[in-house]
Amino acid sequence: MTPDKRDRWLALGLLVGLCVLAYFVLIHPWWTVPMMEVEQRIETLQQRELRLRMQLEQEPQVDARLAELTELQASNPGFMTESNPELATAALIQRLERVVSDASPGNRSCGIVNRSPLEPSNREPYTRVTVQVRLSCGSRETAAVLHALESGSPRLFIGNLNILVQRRYFAPGTGGDTGEGGQDVTFDLYGYLVPAGKGGIDAPR
C-alpha cells in the first residue's frame, strides 16, 4: 500500500472515530438519553392511566360490596355495644341466663351454679369484659349452651373451658337428683367493647 493510500485510510479512520466520539460526547447525552427518558415517562403515564381507568370501572362494584359489608356488620356486630364495662358485664350475664334457659327450660337438665364478674382488662387493644361461669348440665345441654354463646351476636368468646363428667348430678332449680350422668362445666365468658370514637373497626377474631 502506497503512503498516500495509507494516509487516506488513516484519515478516514480518524474521521470515523471523531464522529463516534462526537456522538457519545455531544448527541447521546444531550439528545438520545433525554428522548429515552421521555419515552419511559410516557410509558409509565400510560400504565398509570390504564390502572386508573380500571379502578374507575370497578368503582360501582367496590361501592356495592362496601355497602353490603357495612350492612352485614350492622346486622351482626362483633363488639358489644354497651357504653361501659359494668353494663357489658350485666349483658353477658343476661345472655348466659337466656341461653341456659333456652337449652333447658325450667333448668331441668342444665343450670347456672355460679357466675362471677372479673375486672375489665385493658391489656389488649380493646377493653375485655369477662364473667367466670360454672354450670351443671347434661352433655347435650352443655354443647347447646357453648354453641349458642359463641355463635350469637354480638360476638362472645369462651376460654379456660374445663368439663368434669359426673355419674349423677343435681340440676340447679330442680331440687333433686336427675338420675343421669352430667357435667360440671367451668369457663370464662368474655366479649369486647367498641373503642370510644372508633366505629367501623374490624371485630377481634
Foldseek 3Di string as FASTA:
>chain_A
DDPVVVVVVVVVVVVVVVVVVCCVVPVCVVPVVVVVVVVVVVVVVVVVVVVVVVCVVCVVVVVVVVVVVVVVCVVFPQADADPDLVVVLVVLVVQLVVQLCVLPPQQQFKDWPDKAWDDWDPPDVFIKTKIKTKMKGAPVSVVSSQVPQQPGPRHKDKAPKDKDKAQWDDGPRPPDIPNGIIITIIIMIMGTHDPPPDPPDDHDD
